[in-house]
């Protein structure tokens, strides 16, 4: 049987089936860090992705190891590195939102979704905005990926 041509373009093939976590807290997500020998996960826009198979990227020696076990929506949307920006739930400006959304769509093709982060079920409008100082720090941040 011939593969779907769109799956070849997008890179999306059959994603492995993984155990579902359901809706979990940030504290639970934090347990799926890079040094967890059994499972590594990360979060974008409330979707929890199982990145266990990508040990070279998200394992103990991986290039993106700091993202395992965290919500990285702001980090990836702002194209910065650093623990300071992980697990930070703020309103994103349009540019950051679009960038993070593009990455989320990429992750949808690459890693199985295994749950949802409960924090994202809160009212987004009640989240704080970035301060002027934080915006300035983000502008000076290092580019990623």
N, C-alpha and C. Protein backbone atom coordinates (compact mmCIF):
# COMPACT_ATOMS: atom_id res chain seq x y z
N UNK A 1 0.84 -1.18 0.00
CA UNK A 1 0.00 0.00 0.00
C UNK A 1 0.88 1.25 0.00
N UNK A 2 0.56 2.18 -0.84
CA UNK A 2 1.32 3.41 -1.00
C UNK A 2 1.00 4.37 0.16
N UNK A 3 2.02 5.02 0.78
CA UNK A 3 1.73 5.97 1.84
C UNK A 3 1.02 7.21 1.30
N UNK A 4 0.28 7.86 2.15
CA UNK A 4 -0.39 9.11 1.79
C UNK A 4 0.69 10.14 1.46
N UNK A 5 0.64 10.76 0.26
CA UNK A 5 1.67 11.74 -0.12
C UNK A 5 1.76 12.91 0.85
N UNK A 6 0.64 13.31 1.43
CA UNK A 6 0.68 14.42 2.37
C UNK A 6 1.47 14.07 3.62
N UNK A 7 1.44 12.79 4.00
CA UNK A 7 2.21 12.40 5.18
C UNK A 7 3.71 12.47 4.90
N UNK A 8 4.10 12.28 3.67
CA UNK A 8 5.52 12.38 3.33
C UNK A 8 5.97 13.84 3.36
N UNK A 9 5.11 14.75 2.92
CA UNK A 9 5.46 16.16 2.91
C UNK A 9 5.54 16.70 4.33
N UNK A 10 4.54 16.37 5.14
CA UNK A 10 4.49 16.93 6.49
C UNK A 10 5.41 16.22 7.46
N UNK A 11 5.86 15.02 7.09
CA UNK A 11 6.67 14.25 8.01
C UNK A 11 5.82 13.42 8.94
N UNK A 12 4.50 13.49 8.78
CA UNK A 12 3.61 12.77 9.68
C UNK A 12 3.35 11.38 9.14
N UNK A 13 3.77 10.43 9.88
CA UNK A 13 3.44 9.05 9.59
C UNK A 13 2.59 8.58 10.74
N UNK A 14 2.62 7.30 10.97
CA UNK A 14 1.90 6.77 12.11
C UNK A 14 2.68 7.07 13.38
N UNK A 15 2.06 7.80 14.29
CA UNK A 15 2.71 8.07 15.57
C UNK A 15 2.48 6.89 16.48
N UNK A 16 3.44 6.58 17.33
CA UNK A 16 3.26 5.43 18.23
C UNK A 16 2.13 5.70 19.23
N UNK A 17 1.47 4.64 19.62
CA UNK A 17 0.47 4.76 20.67
C UNK A 17 1.20 4.77 22.00
N UNK A 18 0.80 5.68 22.85
CA UNK A 18 1.42 5.81 24.17
C UNK A 18 0.33 5.85 25.23
N UNK A 19 0.71 5.52 26.44
CA UNK A 19 -0.24 5.57 27.54
C UNK A 19 -0.72 6.99 27.75
N UNK A 20 -2.02 7.14 27.87
CA UNK A 20 -2.61 8.46 28.06
C UNK A 20 -2.54 8.87 29.54
N UNK A 21 -2.22 10.12 29.77
CA UNK A 21 -2.11 10.65 31.13
C UNK A 21 -3.40 11.32 31.59
N UNK A 22 -4.27 11.67 30.65
CA UNK A 22 -5.46 12.43 30.99
C UNK A 22 -5.07 13.87 31.27
N UNK A 23 -5.86 14.55 32.08
CA UNK A 23 -5.57 15.93 32.45
C UNK A 23 -4.73 15.90 33.73
N UNK A 24 -3.56 16.54 33.66
CA UNK A 24 -2.65 16.51 34.81
C UNK A 24 -2.25 17.92 35.22
N UNK A 25 -1.69 18.03 36.40
CA UNK A 25 -1.22 19.31 36.93
C UNK A 25 0.21 19.59 36.45
N UNK A 26 0.63 20.82 36.64
CA UNK A 26 2.00 21.20 36.31
C UNK A 26 2.99 20.39 37.14
N UNK A 27 2.68 20.17 38.40
CA UNK A 27 3.57 19.38 39.26
C UNK A 27 3.74 17.96 38.71
N UNK A 28 2.66 17.40 38.18
CA UNK A 28 2.78 16.07 37.59
C UNK A 28 3.60 16.11 36.30
N UNK A 29 3.37 17.11 35.47
CA UNK A 29 4.15 17.26 34.24
C UNK A 29 5.64 17.37 34.56
N UNK A 30 5.97 18.13 35.60
CA UNK A 30 7.37 18.33 35.98
C UNK A 30 8.09 17.02 36.30
N UNK A 31 7.37 15.96 36.59
CA UNK A 31 7.97 14.65 36.88
C UNK A 31 8.49 13.95 35.62
N UNK A 32 8.06 14.41 34.46
CA UNK A 32 8.46 13.78 33.19
C UNK A 32 9.63 14.53 32.56
N UNK A 33 10.62 14.88 33.38
CA UNK A 33 11.81 15.64 33.00
C UNK A 33 12.81 14.78 32.23
N UNK A 34 13.89 15.40 31.80
CA UNK A 34 14.89 14.73 30.96
C UNK A 34 15.55 13.54 31.64
N UNK A 35 15.64 13.54 32.95
CA UNK A 35 16.29 12.43 33.66
C UNK A 35 15.33 11.33 34.08
N UNK A 36 14.07 11.46 33.72
CA UNK A 36 13.12 10.39 34.01
C UNK A 36 13.44 9.23 33.06
N UNK A 37 13.83 8.08 33.61
CA UNK A 37 14.25 6.98 32.73
C UNK A 37 13.09 6.31 31.99
N UNK A 38 11.86 6.53 32.45
CA UNK A 38 10.72 5.83 31.86
C UNK A 38 9.95 6.66 30.84
N UNK A 39 9.86 7.97 31.07
CA UNK A 39 9.02 8.78 30.20
C UNK A 39 9.40 10.25 30.30
N UNK A 40 9.39 10.91 29.13
CA UNK A 40 9.65 12.35 29.06
C UNK A 40 8.51 12.99 28.26
N UNK A 41 8.00 14.09 28.79
CA UNK A 41 6.89 14.79 28.13
C UNK A 41 7.13 16.29 28.21
N UNK A 42 6.46 17.04 27.35
CA UNK A 42 6.48 18.48 27.40
C UNK A 42 5.12 18.99 26.96
N UNK A 43 4.90 20.28 27.15
CA UNK A 43 3.58 20.85 26.89
C UNK A 43 3.67 22.11 26.04
N UNK A 44 2.73 22.21 25.10
CA UNK A 44 2.52 23.40 24.28
C UNK A 44 1.03 23.66 24.20
N UNK A 45 0.58 24.84 24.57
CA UNK A 45 -0.83 25.20 24.52
C UNK A 45 -1.73 24.18 25.22
N UNK A 46 -1.22 23.57 26.27
CA UNK A 46 -2.04 22.62 27.03
C UNK A 46 -1.96 21.20 26.55
N UNK A 47 -1.44 20.96 25.35
CA UNK A 47 -1.27 19.60 24.85
C UNK A 47 0.02 19.03 25.41
N UNK A 48 -0.07 17.85 25.97
CA UNK A 48 1.13 17.20 26.48
C UNK A 48 1.60 16.19 25.43
N UNK A 49 2.84 16.36 25.02
CA UNK A 49 3.46 15.49 24.01
C UNK A 49 4.42 14.54 24.69
N UNK A 50 4.37 13.28 24.28
CA UNK A 50 5.31 12.28 24.77
C UNK A 50 6.53 12.32 23.86
N UNK A 51 7.66 12.78 24.39
CA UNK A 51 8.89 12.91 23.61
C UNK A 51 9.94 11.88 24.05
N UNK A 52 9.47 10.82 24.72
CA UNK A 52 10.37 9.80 25.26
C UNK A 52 11.27 9.21 24.18
N UNK A 53 10.73 8.96 23.01
CA UNK A 53 11.51 8.32 21.94
C UNK A 53 12.62 9.22 21.42
N UNK A 54 12.53 10.50 21.63
CA UNK A 54 13.53 11.45 21.13
C UNK A 54 14.59 11.71 22.20
N UNK A 55 15.24 10.63 22.65
CA UNK A 55 16.23 10.73 23.72
C UNK A 55 17.39 11.65 23.36
N UNK A 56 17.75 11.71 22.07
CA UNK A 56 18.85 12.58 21.65
C UNK A 56 18.49 14.05 21.75
N UNK A 57 17.21 14.35 21.77
CA UNK A 57 16.77 15.73 21.90
C UNK A 57 16.34 16.08 23.32
N UNK A 58 15.61 15.16 23.97
CA UNK A 58 14.99 15.47 25.26
C UNK A 58 15.48 14.62 26.42
N UNK A 59 16.44 13.75 26.17
CA UNK A 59 17.02 12.94 27.23
C UNK A 59 18.06 13.72 28.01
N UNK A 60 18.75 13.06 28.94
CA UNK A 60 19.71 13.74 29.83
C UNK A 60 20.81 14.52 29.11
N UNK A 61 21.20 14.08 27.94
CA UNK A 61 22.25 14.76 27.18
C UNK A 61 21.70 15.49 25.95
N UNK A 62 20.39 15.57 25.85
CA UNK A 62 19.75 16.13 24.68
C UNK A 62 19.89 17.64 24.55
N UNK A 63 19.83 18.09 23.32
CA UNK A 63 19.96 19.52 23.03
C UNK A 63 18.82 20.34 23.64
N UNK A 64 17.66 19.72 23.81
CA UNK A 64 16.48 20.43 24.33
C UNK A 64 16.02 19.82 25.65
N UNK A 65 16.94 19.26 26.39
CA UNK A 65 16.61 18.54 27.63
C UNK A 65 15.85 19.40 28.64
N UNK A 66 16.13 20.71 28.67
CA UNK A 66 15.46 21.55 29.67
C UNK A 66 13.96 21.68 29.44
N UNK A 67 13.48 21.36 28.24
CA UNK A 67 12.05 21.48 27.96
C UNK A 67 11.25 20.29 28.47
N UNK A 68 11.89 19.13 28.61
CA UNK A 68 11.19 17.95 29.09
C UNK A 68 10.68 18.20 30.51
N UNK A 69 9.41 17.91 30.71
CA UNK A 69 8.79 18.09 32.01
C UNK A 69 8.20 19.48 32.22
N UNK A 70 8.14 20.29 31.16
CA UNK A 70 7.68 21.68 31.32
C UNK A 70 6.72 22.10 30.23
N UNK A 71 5.98 23.18 30.54
CA UNK A 71 5.23 23.89 29.52
C UNK A 71 6.21 24.86 28.87
N UNK A 72 6.35 24.76 27.56
CA UNK A 72 7.33 25.59 26.87
C UNK A 72 6.68 26.55 25.89
N UNK A 73 5.41 26.84 26.07
CA UNK A 73 4.68 27.68 25.13
C UNK A 73 5.32 29.06 25.00
N UNK A 74 5.57 29.74 26.10
CA UNK A 74 6.19 31.07 26.04
C UNK A 74 7.61 30.98 25.49
N UNK A 75 8.36 30.02 25.96
CA UNK A 75 9.75 29.86 25.54
C UNK A 75 9.87 29.71 24.03
N UNK A 76 9.08 28.80 23.48
CA UNK A 76 9.20 28.54 22.05
C UNK A 76 8.54 29.65 21.23
N UNK A 77 7.50 30.27 21.79
CA UNK A 77 6.85 31.37 21.09
C UNK A 77 7.73 32.60 21.00
N UNK A 78 8.53 32.81 22.03
CA UNK A 78 9.43 33.98 22.07
C UNK A 78 10.82 33.67 21.52
N UNK A 79 11.07 32.41 21.18
CA UNK A 79 12.38 31.99 20.65
C UNK A 79 13.52 32.28 21.61
N UNK A 80 13.32 31.92 22.87
CA UNK A 80 14.36 32.13 23.88
C UNK A 80 14.65 30.83 24.61
N UNK A 81 15.77 30.82 25.29
CA UNK A 81 16.11 29.68 26.13
C UNK A 81 16.14 30.15 27.58
N UNK A 82 16.21 29.20 28.46
CA UNK A 82 16.33 29.54 29.87
C UNK A 82 15.15 29.08 30.69
N UNK A 83 15.47 28.53 31.84
CA UNK A 83 14.46 28.02 32.76
C UNK A 83 13.45 29.08 33.17
N UNK A 84 13.88 30.32 33.18
CA UNK A 84 13.03 31.42 33.64
C UNK A 84 11.71 31.49 32.86
N UNK A 85 11.73 31.09 31.60
CA UNK A 85 10.58 31.25 30.74
C UNK A 85 9.72 30.00 30.63
N UNK A 86 10.18 28.91 31.23
CA UNK A 86 9.39 27.67 31.23
C UNK A 86 8.30 27.77 32.29
N UNK A 87 7.19 27.10 32.05
CA UNK A 87 6.09 27.05 33.02
C UNK A 87 5.61 28.44 33.41
N UNK A 88 5.70 29.38 32.49
CA UNK A 88 5.25 30.75 32.75
C UNK A 88 4.00 30.99 31.91
N UNK A 89 2.90 31.20 32.59
CA UNK A 89 1.61 31.31 31.93
C UNK A 89 1.18 32.77 31.86
N UNK A 90 1.36 33.35 30.67
CA UNK A 90 1.05 34.76 30.44
C UNK A 90 0.34 34.89 29.09
N UNK A 91 -0.30 36.02 28.90
CA UNK A 91 -0.91 36.29 27.60
C UNK A 91 0.22 36.54 26.59
N UNK A 92 0.14 35.88 25.46
CA UNK A 92 1.15 36.04 24.42
C UNK A 92 0.73 37.11 23.43
N UNK A 93 1.69 37.87 22.95
CA UNK A 93 1.34 38.79 21.87
C UNK A 93 1.13 37.96 20.60
N UNK A 94 0.63 38.60 19.57
CA UNK A 94 0.26 37.88 18.34
C UNK A 94 1.44 37.14 17.71
N UNK A 95 2.60 37.79 17.68
CA UNK A 95 3.78 37.17 17.07
C UNK A 95 4.21 35.92 17.84
N UNK A 96 4.25 36.01 19.17
CA UNK A 96 4.62 34.85 19.99
C UNK A 96 3.58 33.73 19.85
N UNK A 97 2.32 34.12 19.86
CA UNK A 97 1.25 33.13 19.74
C UNK A 97 1.37 32.37 18.42
N UNK A 98 1.55 33.11 17.32
CA UNK A 98 1.65 32.47 16.01
C UNK A 98 2.88 31.56 15.91
N UNK A 99 3.98 32.01 16.47
CA UNK A 99 5.19 31.20 16.45
C UNK A 99 5.00 29.90 17.24
N UNK A 100 4.46 30.03 18.45
CA UNK A 100 4.21 28.83 19.27
C UNK A 100 3.20 27.92 18.60
N UNK A 101 2.20 28.48 17.95
CA UNK A 101 1.18 27.69 17.25
C UNK A 101 1.83 26.89 16.12
N UNK A 102 2.73 27.52 15.38
CA UNK A 102 3.44 26.81 14.30
C UNK A 102 4.23 25.64 14.86
N UNK A 103 4.90 25.87 15.98
CA UNK A 103 5.65 24.78 16.60
C UNK A 103 4.72 23.68 17.10
N UNK A 104 3.58 24.05 17.63
CA UNK A 104 2.60 23.06 18.09
C UNK A 104 2.13 22.19 16.93
N UNK A 105 1.89 22.81 15.80
CA UNK A 105 1.48 22.05 14.61
C UNK A 105 2.59 21.09 14.18
N UNK A 106 3.84 21.53 14.28
CA UNK A 106 4.97 20.64 13.98
C UNK A 106 5.01 19.47 14.96
N UNK A 107 4.87 19.76 16.25
CA UNK A 107 4.89 18.70 17.26
C UNK A 107 3.76 17.70 17.04
N UNK A 108 2.61 18.19 16.54
CA UNK A 108 1.50 17.29 16.23
C UNK A 108 1.89 16.22 15.22
N UNK A 109 2.81 16.55 14.32
CA UNK A 109 3.24 15.60 13.30
C UNK A 109 4.36 14.69 13.77
N UNK A 110 5.02 15.08 14.86
CA UNK A 110 6.25 14.41 15.29
C UNK A 110 6.09 13.53 16.53
N UNK A 111 5.22 13.94 17.47
CA UNK A 111 5.11 13.26 18.76
C UNK A 111 3.66 13.00 19.12
N UNK A 112 3.40 11.88 19.76
CA UNK A 112 2.02 11.60 20.17
C UNK A 112 1.58 12.48 21.33
N UNK A 113 0.34 12.94 21.26
CA UNK A 113 -0.27 13.69 22.35
C UNK A 113 -0.73 12.67 23.38
N UNK A 114 -0.41 12.91 24.65
CA UNK A 114 -0.74 11.92 25.67
C UNK A 114 -1.52 12.51 26.84
N UNK A 115 -1.91 13.78 26.74
CA UNK A 115 -2.67 14.35 27.83
C UNK A 115 -2.88 15.83 27.66
N UNK A 116 -3.36 16.43 28.73
CA UNK A 116 -3.66 17.85 28.75
C UNK A 116 -3.21 18.44 30.09
N UNK A 117 -2.67 19.64 30.05
CA UNK A 117 -2.25 20.33 31.26
C UNK A 117 -3.42 21.15 31.79
N UNK A 118 -3.81 20.91 33.03
CA UNK A 118 -5.01 21.54 33.59
C UNK A 118 -4.93 23.06 33.60
N UNK A 119 -3.74 23.62 33.72
CA UNK A 119 -3.57 25.07 33.76
C UNK A 119 -4.20 25.74 32.53
N UNK A 120 -4.16 25.06 31.40
CA UNK A 120 -4.69 25.61 30.16
C UNK A 120 -6.21 25.58 30.10
N UNK A 121 -6.83 24.96 31.07
CA UNK A 121 -8.29 24.97 31.14
C UNK A 121 -8.80 26.18 31.92
N UNK A 122 -7.88 26.95 32.49
CA UNK A 122 -8.25 28.18 33.19
C UNK A 122 -8.60 29.26 32.17
N UNK A 123 -9.17 30.33 32.65
CA UNK A 123 -9.52 31.45 31.80
C UNK A 123 -8.24 32.19 31.38
N UNK A 124 -7.91 32.07 30.12
CA UNK A 124 -6.70 32.70 29.57
C UNK A 124 -6.70 34.21 29.82
N UNK A 125 -7.87 34.82 29.76
CA UNK A 125 -7.96 36.27 29.96
C UNK A 125 -7.56 36.70 31.36
N UNK A 126 -7.59 35.76 32.30
CA UNK A 126 -7.19 36.11 33.68
C UNK A 126 -5.67 36.02 33.88
N UNK A 127 -4.96 35.50 32.88
CA UNK A 127 -3.51 35.41 32.99
C UNK A 127 -2.89 36.80 32.87
N UNK A 128 -1.75 37.01 33.54
CA UNK A 128 -1.11 38.33 33.46
C UNK A 128 -0.46 38.55 32.10
N UNK A 129 -0.23 39.80 31.81
CA UNK A 129 0.55 40.15 30.62
C UNK A 129 2.01 40.24 31.04
N UNK A 130 2.88 40.10 30.08
CA UNK A 130 4.31 40.28 30.36
C UNK A 130 4.55 41.72 30.77
N UNK A 131 5.43 41.91 31.73
CA UNK A 131 5.80 43.27 32.11
C UNK A 131 6.71 43.86 31.04
N UNK A 132 6.89 45.16 31.06
CA UNK A 132 7.80 45.80 30.11
C UNK A 132 9.21 45.25 30.27
N UNK A 133 9.61 45.02 31.53
CA UNK A 133 10.94 44.47 31.79
C UNK A 133 11.08 43.06 31.19
N UNK A 134 10.06 42.25 31.34
CA UNK A 134 10.10 40.89 30.77
C UNK A 134 10.14 40.94 29.25
N UNK A 135 9.37 41.84 28.66
CA UNK A 135 9.39 41.99 27.20
C UNK A 135 10.79 42.37 26.72
N UNK A 136 11.43 43.26 27.44
CA UNK A 136 12.78 43.69 27.08
C UNK A 136 13.77 42.51 27.21
N UNK A 137 13.64 41.74 28.28
CA UNK A 137 14.51 40.58 28.48
C UNK A 137 14.30 39.55 27.35
N UNK A 138 13.07 39.36 26.96
CA UNK A 138 12.78 38.43 25.87
C UNK A 138 13.40 38.89 24.56
N UNK A 139 13.37 40.18 24.30
CA UNK A 139 13.97 40.71 23.08
C UNK A 139 15.47 40.46 23.04
N UNK A 140 16.10 40.45 24.21
CA UNK A 140 17.55 40.24 24.30
C UNK A 140 17.92 38.76 24.37
N UNK A 141 16.91 37.89 24.49
CA UNK A 141 17.16 36.46 24.66
C UNK A 141 17.82 35.83 23.45
N UNK A 142 18.36 34.67 23.67
CA UNK A 142 19.01 33.91 22.61
C UNK A 142 17.97 33.20 21.76
N UNK A 143 18.24 33.13 20.49
CA UNK A 143 17.35 32.40 19.59
C UNK A 143 17.51 30.90 19.81
N UNK A 144 16.41 30.19 19.62
CA UNK A 144 16.45 28.73 19.72
C UNK A 144 15.96 28.14 18.42
N UNK A 145 16.29 26.92 18.23
CA UNK A 145 15.86 26.09 17.11
C UNK A 145 16.05 26.84 15.83
